[in-house]
Amino acid sequence: MKLSLRYLILTVALLSVVLTMFSSISSGYRVNQTSLIDNTLETNRVYAQKVSTTTDNFLKTTLQTLAYSAKEVAQHLEKEDAETLLFNETERLFNQTSTFNSVVVTSKNGKIIAASPESLDVVGEYVDSPGGKQALSAQVPLVSKPFISITDRLIVFISYPIFDDNDNYKGYIGGSIYLLEENILQELLGEHFYEDGSYVYVVDEDGRIIYHPDKSRINDLVTKNHAINETMKGNSGAQRIVNSNDIDMLAGYAYIPTTKWGAVSQRPTEMALLPSKNMRNEMMLKSLPFLLVSFLVIIYIANRIARPLEKLGHYAESNMDDNQDKKVEKVNAWYYEAIQLEKALVKSFSFFEDKVNYFIHQ
């Protein structure tokens, strides 16, 4: 099968237009994707740093508040109405600060001597939880790891030691944050949850989730997350990761120095790249009219280029007919190559006709 010049020109021209358009859209799509990934990573890094700073300041302020209360409690321990004064102090911490879900004061041997709210009903009992025992043995300001409390709740316990004027250890005062109930961390971090799939969560130094928008994830130990592993090393930054649920994420992470926690702000890569996909689809849709116009223009130009050559080729093929030179001269050869070919055919036909006439004469 022999292809005509018209179809060859159409094929080459259309292929050039389609490939050029495809490469332009493809390169624009990839550049836009790279830009979106970089911007999302930087945004999440800055946001994680902001969350880290906010949480760190909150914890420092909370420890300062407990330090003040510890001094007050130390002054009340030897008074006759100590029980009432201690209860008033725990009530003040519980109601005025809105930081803790519960507040307790213990003696140096771990007996709970005051608690708020009263519904806890734990006064007179001895602390038996990991966080409480850790606070008794450490005798320093402390933010515990998540543990199950005496009230059978998952909590983080923030405590401050109580010392008398002679620096004798008398116990501690501390507040609990109920991780699976309404708490201060939700108020601090809950506003950072978005409908586009972005969210913030906080882990402790072991990689155990302390705060997460999905409460079912709280207390999960996450080990297959590079962002969390970096915060456990005390690092901050941003990178593309695959999280523990095998979801491609763009994550920013920051270290919280006061407690050695880590804050992670992340967004699914698919959601971050959605604008680039929409842009690509819109570009392709808006390119269709241009492609159609280009197709019509290419057909017109291909016909204009091919028509003279097709006629000249036809006349050259049927060169035995009479008056071929006259017919060739009528061909609308409008560009250099066609004009030269037309002249060559006219001369050829004239030469051939002269030769024929000569042989007839002979």
Protein backbone atom coordinates (compact mmCIF):
# COMPACT_ATOMS: atom_id res chain seq x y z
CA MET A 1 0.00 0.00 0.00
CA LYS A 2 1.43 3.34 -1.08
CA LEU A 3 0.61 6.36 1.05
CA SER A 4 -0.05 9.66 -0.69
CA LEU A 5 1.86 12.82 0.18
CA ARG A 6 -1.30 14.35 1.63
CA TYR A 7 -1.66 11.63 4.25
CA LEU A 8 2.03 11.66 5.05
CA ILE A 9 1.93 15.42 5.71
CA LEU A 10 -1.25 15.04 7.78
CA THR A 11 0.26 12.23 9.84
CA VAL A 12 3.53 14.03 10.54
CA ALA A 13 1.86 17.36 11.33
CA LEU A 14 -0.82 15.89 13.60
CA LEU A 15 1.72 13.70 15.36
CA SER A 16 3.90 16.76 16.00
CA VAL A 17 0.97 18.76 17.41
CA VAL A 18 -0.26 15.92 19.63
CA LEU A 19 3.21 15.08 20.95
CA THR A 20 4.00 18.74 21.60
CA MET A 21 0.72 19.21 23.45
CA PHE A 22 1.21 16.00 25.43
CA SER A 23 4.77 16.92 26.43
CA SER A 24 3.69 20.42 27.46
CA ILE A 25 0.82 19.17 29.61
CA SER A 26 2.96 16.35 31.04
CA SER A 27 5.89 18.60 31.94
CA GLY A 28 3.56 21.22 33.41
CA TYR A 29 1.80 18.52 35.42
CA ARG A 30 5.08 17.18 36.80
CA VAL A 31 6.43 20.63 37.66
CA ASN A 32 3.17 21.47 39.40
CA GLN A 33 3.29 18.19 41.33
CA THR A 34 6.83 18.88 42.51
CA SER A 35 5.84 22.39 43.56
CA LEU A 36 2.78 21.12 45.46
CA ILE A 37 4.82 18.45 47.26
CA ASP A 38 7.53 20.95 48.27
CA ASN A 39 4.99 23.53 49.44
CA THR A 40 2.97 20.95 51.40
CA LEU A 41 6.08 19.58 53.08
CA GLU A 42 7.20 23.07 54.09
CA THR A 43 3.71 23.98 55.32
CA ASN A 44 3.51 20.81 57.42
CA ARG A 45 7.01 21.38 58.79
CA VAL A 46 6.13 24.91 59.90
CA TYR A 47 2.81 23.73 61.30
CA ALA A 48 4.42 20.88 63.24
CA GLN A 49 6.92 23.35 64.66
CA LYS A 50 4.07 25.63 65.69
CA VAL A 51 2.27 22.73 67.39
CA SER A 52 5.51 21.74 69.10
CA THR A 53 6.05 25.26 70.41
CA THR A 54 2.43 25.58 71.56
CA THR A 55 2.50 22.22 73.35
CA ASP A 56 5.91 22.89 74.89
CA ASN A 57 4.77 26.28 76.23
CA PHE A 58 1.60 24.70 77.60
CA LEU A 59 3.57 22.03 79.44
CA LYS A 60 6.03 24.56 80.86
CA THR A 61 3.16 26.75 82.06
CA THR A 62 1.43 23.71 83.58
CA LEU A 63 4.57 22.72 85.49
CA GLN A 64 4.94 26.31 86.74
CA THR A 65 1.33 26.22 87.94
CA LEU A 66 1.95 22.95 89.75
CA ALA A 67 5.15 24.38 91.26
CA TYR A 68 3.15 27.23 92.78
CA SER A 69 0.52 24.80 94.09
CA ALA A 70 3.24 22.54 95.55
CA LYS A 71 4.51 25.48 97.66
CA GLU A 72 0.97 26.23 98.82
CA VAL A 73 0.33 22.60 99.70
CA ALA A 74 3.62 22.38 101.64
CA GLN A 75 2.42 25.23 103.86
CA HIS A 76 -0.93 23.54 104.52
CA LEU A 77 0.27 20.04 105.43
CA GLU A 78 0.89 20.74 109.13
CA LYS A 79 -2.26 22.81 109.73
CA GLU A 80 -5.28 21.49 111.60
CA ASP A 81 -7.61 22.08 108.68
CA ALA A 82 -5.10 20.66 106.20
CA GLU A 83 -7.66 18.33 104.64
CA THR A 84 -9.96 21.22 103.72
CA LEU A 85 -7.11 23.44 102.49
CA LEU A 86 -5.69 20.69 100.33
CA PHE A 87 -9.09 19.95 98.84
CA ASN A 88 -9.58 23.66 98.09
CA GLU A 89 -6.23 23.75 96.29
CA THR A 90 -7.08 20.71 94.16
CA GLU A 91 -10.49 22.26 93.40
CA ARG A 92 -8.80 25.49 92.33
CA LEU A 93 -6.48 23.63 89.97
CA PHE A 94 -9.31 21.52 88.62
CA ASN A 95 -11.83 24.32 88.05
CA GLN A 96 -9.78 27.43 87.32
CA THR A 97 -7.04 26.14 85.04
CA SER A 98 -9.17 23.81 82.85
CA THR A 99 -5.96 21.90 82.29
CA PHE A 100 -6.61 18.68 84.16
CA ASN A 101 -9.40 16.14 84.15
CA SER A 102 -8.50 15.35 87.77
CA VAL A 103 -6.04 16.56 90.44
CA VAL A 104 -4.56 14.63 93.38
CA VAL A 105 -2.19 15.26 96.29
CA THR A 106 -0.31 12.34 97.81
CA SER A 107 1.85 11.82 100.86
CA LYS A 108 5.45 10.69 100.56
CA ASN A 109 4.37 7.04 100.87
CA GLY A 110 1.85 7.34 98.02
CA LYS A 111 -1.38 7.76 99.99
CA ILE A 112 -3.87 10.05 98.27
CA ILE A 113 -4.77 12.79 100.78
CA ALA A 114 -6.80 15.10 98.50
CA ALA A 115 -8.45 14.77 95.10
CA SER A 116 -10.76 16.64 92.74
CA PRO A 117 -13.36 16.13 91.53
CA GLU A 118 -14.91 14.45 94.56
CA SER A 119 -16.57 11.88 92.31
CA LEU A 120 -13.17 10.19 91.94
CA ASP A 121 -13.58 8.78 95.45
CA VAL A 122 -9.92 7.83 95.76
CA VAL A 123 -8.91 9.71 98.95
CA GLY A 124 -7.27 7.31 101.36
CA GLU A 125 -6.14 4.89 98.67
CA TYR A 126 -2.55 4.33 97.65
CA VAL A 127 -1.29 5.01 94.16
CA ASP A 128 -0.55 1.81 92.32
CA SER A 129 -0.14 3.07 88.78
CA PRO A 130 3.17 3.30 86.87
CA GLY A 131 2.92 7.08 86.60
CA GLY A 132 2.18 7.56 90.27
CA LYS A 133 5.00 5.27 91.39
CA GLN A 134 7.37 6.98 88.97
CA ALA A 135 6.51 10.39 90.46
CA LEU A 136 7.11 9.08 93.99
CA SER A 137 10.48 7.59 93.17
CA ALA A 138 11.78 10.35 90.90
CA GLN A 139 10.84 13.26 93.23
CA VAL A 140 11.22 15.72 90.33
CA PRO A 141 8.80 17.55 88.03
CA LEU A 142 7.52 14.87 85.71
CA VAL A 143 5.29 14.24 82.71
CA SER A 144 4.54 10.54 82.59
CA LYS A 145 4.09 8.17 79.72
CA PRO A 146 0.52 7.02 79.01
CA PHE A 147 -0.73 4.47 81.55
CA ILE A 148 -3.93 3.05 83.07
CA SER A 149 -4.75 4.95 86.26
CA ILE A 150 -6.30 3.83 89.52
CA THR A 151 -9.67 4.87 88.04
CA ASP A 152 -9.09 2.55 85.07
CA ARG A 153 -8.55 5.39 82.59
CA LEU A 154 -5.79 5.91 80.05
CA ILE A 155 -4.03 9.06 81.24
CA VAL A 156 -0.92 11.19 81.11
CA PHE A 157 0.06 12.39 84.58
CA ILE A 158 1.85 15.69 85.19
CA SER A 159 3.24 16.01 88.71
CA TYR A 160 5.40 18.27 90.85
CA PRO A 161 7.16 17.21 94.08
CA ILE A 162 6.27 18.78 97.43
CA PHE A 163 9.14 19.74 99.77
CA ASP A 164 8.91 21.46 103.17
CA ASP A 165 11.15 24.33 104.29
CA ASN A 166 13.89 21.84 105.21
CA ASP A 167 13.80 20.24 101.75
CA ASN A 168 12.17 17.09 103.10
CA TYR A 169 10.10 15.25 100.51
CA LYS A 170 6.39 15.22 101.43
CA GLY A 171 4.75 13.77 98.36
CA TYR A 172 3.53 15.34 95.15
CA ILE A 173 0.67 17.22 93.57
CA GLY A 174 -0.34 16.22 90.09
CA GLY A 175 -3.00 16.43 87.44
CA SER A 176 -4.29 13.82 85.01
CA ILE A 177 -5.17 14.29 81.35
CA TYR A 178 -7.68 11.65 80.26
CA LEU A 179 -6.50 10.73 76.76
CA LEU A 180 -9.71 9.01 75.66
CA GLU A 181 -12.04 11.74 76.96
CA GLU A 182 -12.41 15.47 76.43
CA ASN A 183 -9.11 17.02 77.44
CA ILE A 184 -6.85 20.04 77.06
CA LEU A 185 -4.82 18.42 74.26
CA GLN A 186 -7.94 18.24 72.11
CA GLU A 187 -8.53 21.95 72.70
CA LEU A 188 -4.93 22.76 71.81
CA LEU A 189 -4.58 20.46 68.81
CA GLY A 190 -8.11 19.67 67.67
CA GLU A 191 -8.33 22.84 65.57
CA HIS A 192 -5.55 21.49 63.37
CA PHE A 193 -7.81 18.89 61.76
CA TYR A 194 -8.94 19.62 58.22
CA GLU A 195 -11.48 18.17 55.84
CA ASP A 196 -8.81 17.73 53.16
CA GLY A 197 -7.27 14.83 55.06
CA SER A 198 -4.66 16.84 56.97
CA TYR A 199 -4.30 16.20 60.69
CA VAL A 200 -1.91 16.56 63.60
CA TYR A 201 -1.00 13.96 66.19
CA VAL A 202 1.42 13.74 69.11
CA VAL A 203 3.53 10.79 70.26
CA ASP A 204 5.62 10.24 73.37
CA GLU A 205 9.32 9.39 73.44
CA ASP A 206 8.56 5.70 72.77
CA GLY A 207 6.41 6.39 69.71
CA ARG A 208 3.11 5.81 71.52
CA ILE A 209 0.29 8.04 70.31
CA ILE A 210 -0.88 10.52 72.97
CA TYR A 211 -3.18 12.63 70.83
CA HIS A 212 -4.85 11.74 67.52
CA PRO A 213 -8.08 13.00 65.86
CA ASP A 214 -9.11 9.36 65.61
CA LYS A 215 -9.40 8.33 69.27
CA SER A 216 -9.13 4.66 68.36
CA ARG A 217 -5.48 5.32 67.46
CA ILE A 218 -4.60 6.75 70.90
CA ASN A 219 -2.14 4.57 72.84
CA ASP A 220 -1.10 2.74 69.66
CA LEU A 221 2.63 2.10 69.47
CA VAL A 222 3.85 3.21 66.06
CA THR A 223 7.22 1.91 64.91
CA LYS A 224 6.93 1.90 61.10
CA ASN A 225 6.79 5.64 60.61
CA HIS A 226 9.98 7.47 59.67
CA ALA A 227 8.67 10.84 60.90
CA ILE A 228 8.00 9.42 64.37
CA ASN A 229 11.37 7.71 64.41
CA GLU A 230 13.03 11.05 63.67
CA THR A 231 11.19 12.83 66.51
CA MET A 232 12.28 10.05 68.89
CA LYS A 233 15.85 11.00 67.95
CA GLY A 234 15.13 14.64 68.77
CA ASN A 235 14.99 15.76 65.14
CA SER A 236 12.61 18.08 63.31
CA GLY A 237 11.96 18.36 59.58
CA ALA A 238 9.70 17.20 56.75
CA GLN A 239 9.63 14.37 54.24
CA ARG A 240 7.42 12.14 52.16
CA ILE A 241 6.67 8.93 54.03
CA VAL A 242 4.47 5.86 54.03
CA ASN A 243 2.71 5.69 57.40
CA SER A 244 1.87 2.65 59.50
CA ASN A 245 -1.37 2.18 57.51
CA ASP A 246 0.59 2.09 54.21
CA ILE A 247 -0.76 5.49 53.12
CA ASP A 248 1.53 7.82 51.19
CA MET A 249 1.87 10.97 53.30
CA LEU A 250 3.59 14.36 53.21
CA ALA A 251 4.66 14.88 56.82
CA GLY A 252 6.25 17.62 58.85
CA TYR A 253 7.50 16.73 62.32
CA ALA A 254 8.94 18.59 65.31
CA TYR A 255 10.51 17.63 68.63
CA ILE A 256 8.95 18.81 71.91
CA PRO A 257 11.95 19.21 74.26
CA THR A 258 10.18 19.52 77.63
CA THR A 259 8.68 16.04 77.44
CA LYS A 260 10.66 14.48 74.56
CA TRP A 261 7.38 14.12 72.67
CA GLY A 262 7.00 14.56 68.94
CA ALA A 263 4.37 16.46 66.94
CA VAL A 264 3.55 15.34 63.40
CA SER A 265 1.47 17.28 60.88
CA GLN A 266 0.67 15.31 57.75
CA ARG A 267 -1.52 15.22 54.68
CA PRO A 268 -2.19 12.38 52.23
CA THR A 269 -0.08 12.83 49.10
CA GLU A 270 -3.10 12.01 46.96
CA MET A 271 -5.05 14.92 48.46
CA ALA A 272 -2.08 17.28 48.16
CA LEU A 273 -1.67 16.44 44.46
CA LEU A 274 -5.38 16.65 43.66
CA PRO A 275 -5.12 20.28 42.41
CA SER A 276 -2.46 19.24 39.88
CA LYS A 277 -4.70 16.46 38.56
CA ASN A 278 -7.58 18.91 38.26
CA MET A 279 -5.25 21.34 36.47
CA ARG A 280 -4.11 18.61 34.06
CA ASN A 281 -7.69 17.59 33.27
CA GLU A 282 -8.68 21.23 32.76
CA MET A 283 -5.70 21.84 30.47
CA MET A 284 -6.61 18.80 28.37
CA LEU A 285 -10.23 19.88 28.17
CA LYS A 286 -9.35 23.43 27.18
CA SER A 287 -6.82 22.14 24.64
CA LEU A 288 -9.45 20.22 22.68
CA PRO A 289 -10.78 23.27 20.75
CA PHE A 290 -7.21 24.25 19.89
CA LEU A 291 -6.51 20.69 18.76
CA LEU A 292 -9.62 20.71 16.56
CA VAL A 293 -8.68 24.06 14.98
CA SER A 294 -5.12 22.81 14.47
CA PHE A 295 -6.48 19.68 12.80
CA LEU A 296 -8.57 21.73 10.34
CA VAL A 297 -5.68 24.08 9.57
CA ILE A 298 -3.32 21.14 9.01
CA ILE A 299 -5.81 19.48 6.63
CA TYR A 300 -6.15 22.71 4.64
CA ILE A 301 -2.38 23.29 4.42
CA ALA A 302 -1.68 19.62 3.62
CA ASN A 303 -4.18 19.78 0.77
CA ARG A 304 -2.67 23.00 -0.53
CA ILE A 305 0.82 21.48 -0.49
CA ALA A 306 -0.10 18.08 -1.84
CA ARG A 307 -2.58 19.05 -4.58
CA PRO A 308 -0.02 20.47 -7.10
CA LEU A 309 2.34 17.55 -6.59
CA GLU A 310 -0.48 15.03 -6.95
CA LYS A 311 -1.57 16.59 -10.26
CA LEU A 312 1.98 16.78 -11.53
CA GLY A 313 2.54 13.16 -10.50
CA HIS A 314 -0.63 12.12 -12.29
CA TYR A 315 0.40 13.92 -15.49
CA ALA A 316 3.87 12.45 -15.31
CA GLU A 317 2.35 8.97 -15.00
CA SER A 318 0.11 9.49 -18.06
CA ASN A 319 2.72 11.19 -20.22
CA MET A 320 1.52 9.42 -23.39
CA ASP A 321 -1.61 11.57 -23.59
CA ASP A 322 -1.77 14.50 -25.95
CA ASN A 323 -1.24 18.09 -24.84
CA GLN A 324 0.17 17.07 -21.49
CA ASP A 325 2.41 20.13 -21.41
CA LYS A 326 -0.65 22.35 -21.70
CA LYS A 327 -2.30 20.60 -18.79
CA VAL A 328 0.84 20.80 -16.68
CA GLU A 329 1.08 24.55 -17.27
CA LYS A 330 -2.40 24.98 -15.80
CA VAL A 331 -1.40 23.37 -12.48
CA ASN A 332 -1.42 25.95 -9.66
CA ALA A 333 2.18 25.45 -8.50
CA TRP A 334 2.55 28.11 -5.80
CA TYR A 335 5.78 27.13 -4.04
CA TYR A 336 9.32 26.68 -5.28
CA GLU A 337 9.57 22.89 -5.50
CA ALA A 338 6.25 22.52 -7.33
CA ILE A 339 7.16 25.35 -9.73
CA GLN A 340 10.50 23.75 -10.56
CA LEU A 341 8.87 20.35 -11.04
CA GLU A 342 6.24 21.91 -13.31
CA LYS A 343 8.92 23.54 -15.46
CA ALA A 344 10.87 20.29 -15.65
CA LEU A 345 7.79 18.34 -16.78
CA VAL A 346 6.91 20.95 -19.44
CA LYS A 347 10.44 20.80 -20.81
CA SER A 348 10.41 17.01 -20.68
CA PHE A 349 7.10 16.76 -22.49
CA SER A 350 8.26 19.28 -25.13
CA PHE A 351 11.52 17.39 -25.64
CA PHE A 352 9.69 14.09 -25.85
CA GLU A 353 7.17 15.51 -28.34
CA ASP A 354 9.98 16.92 -30.52
CA LYS A 355 11.73 13.54 -30.56
CA VAL A 356 8.52 11.74 -31.52
CA ASN A 357 7.89 14.20 -34.35
CA TYR A 358 11.46 13.76 -35.55
CA PHE A 359 11.15 9.98 -35.68
CA ILE A 360 7.78 10.28 -37.46
CA HIS A 361 9.43 12.62 -39.99
CA GLN A 362 12.28 10.16 -40.47
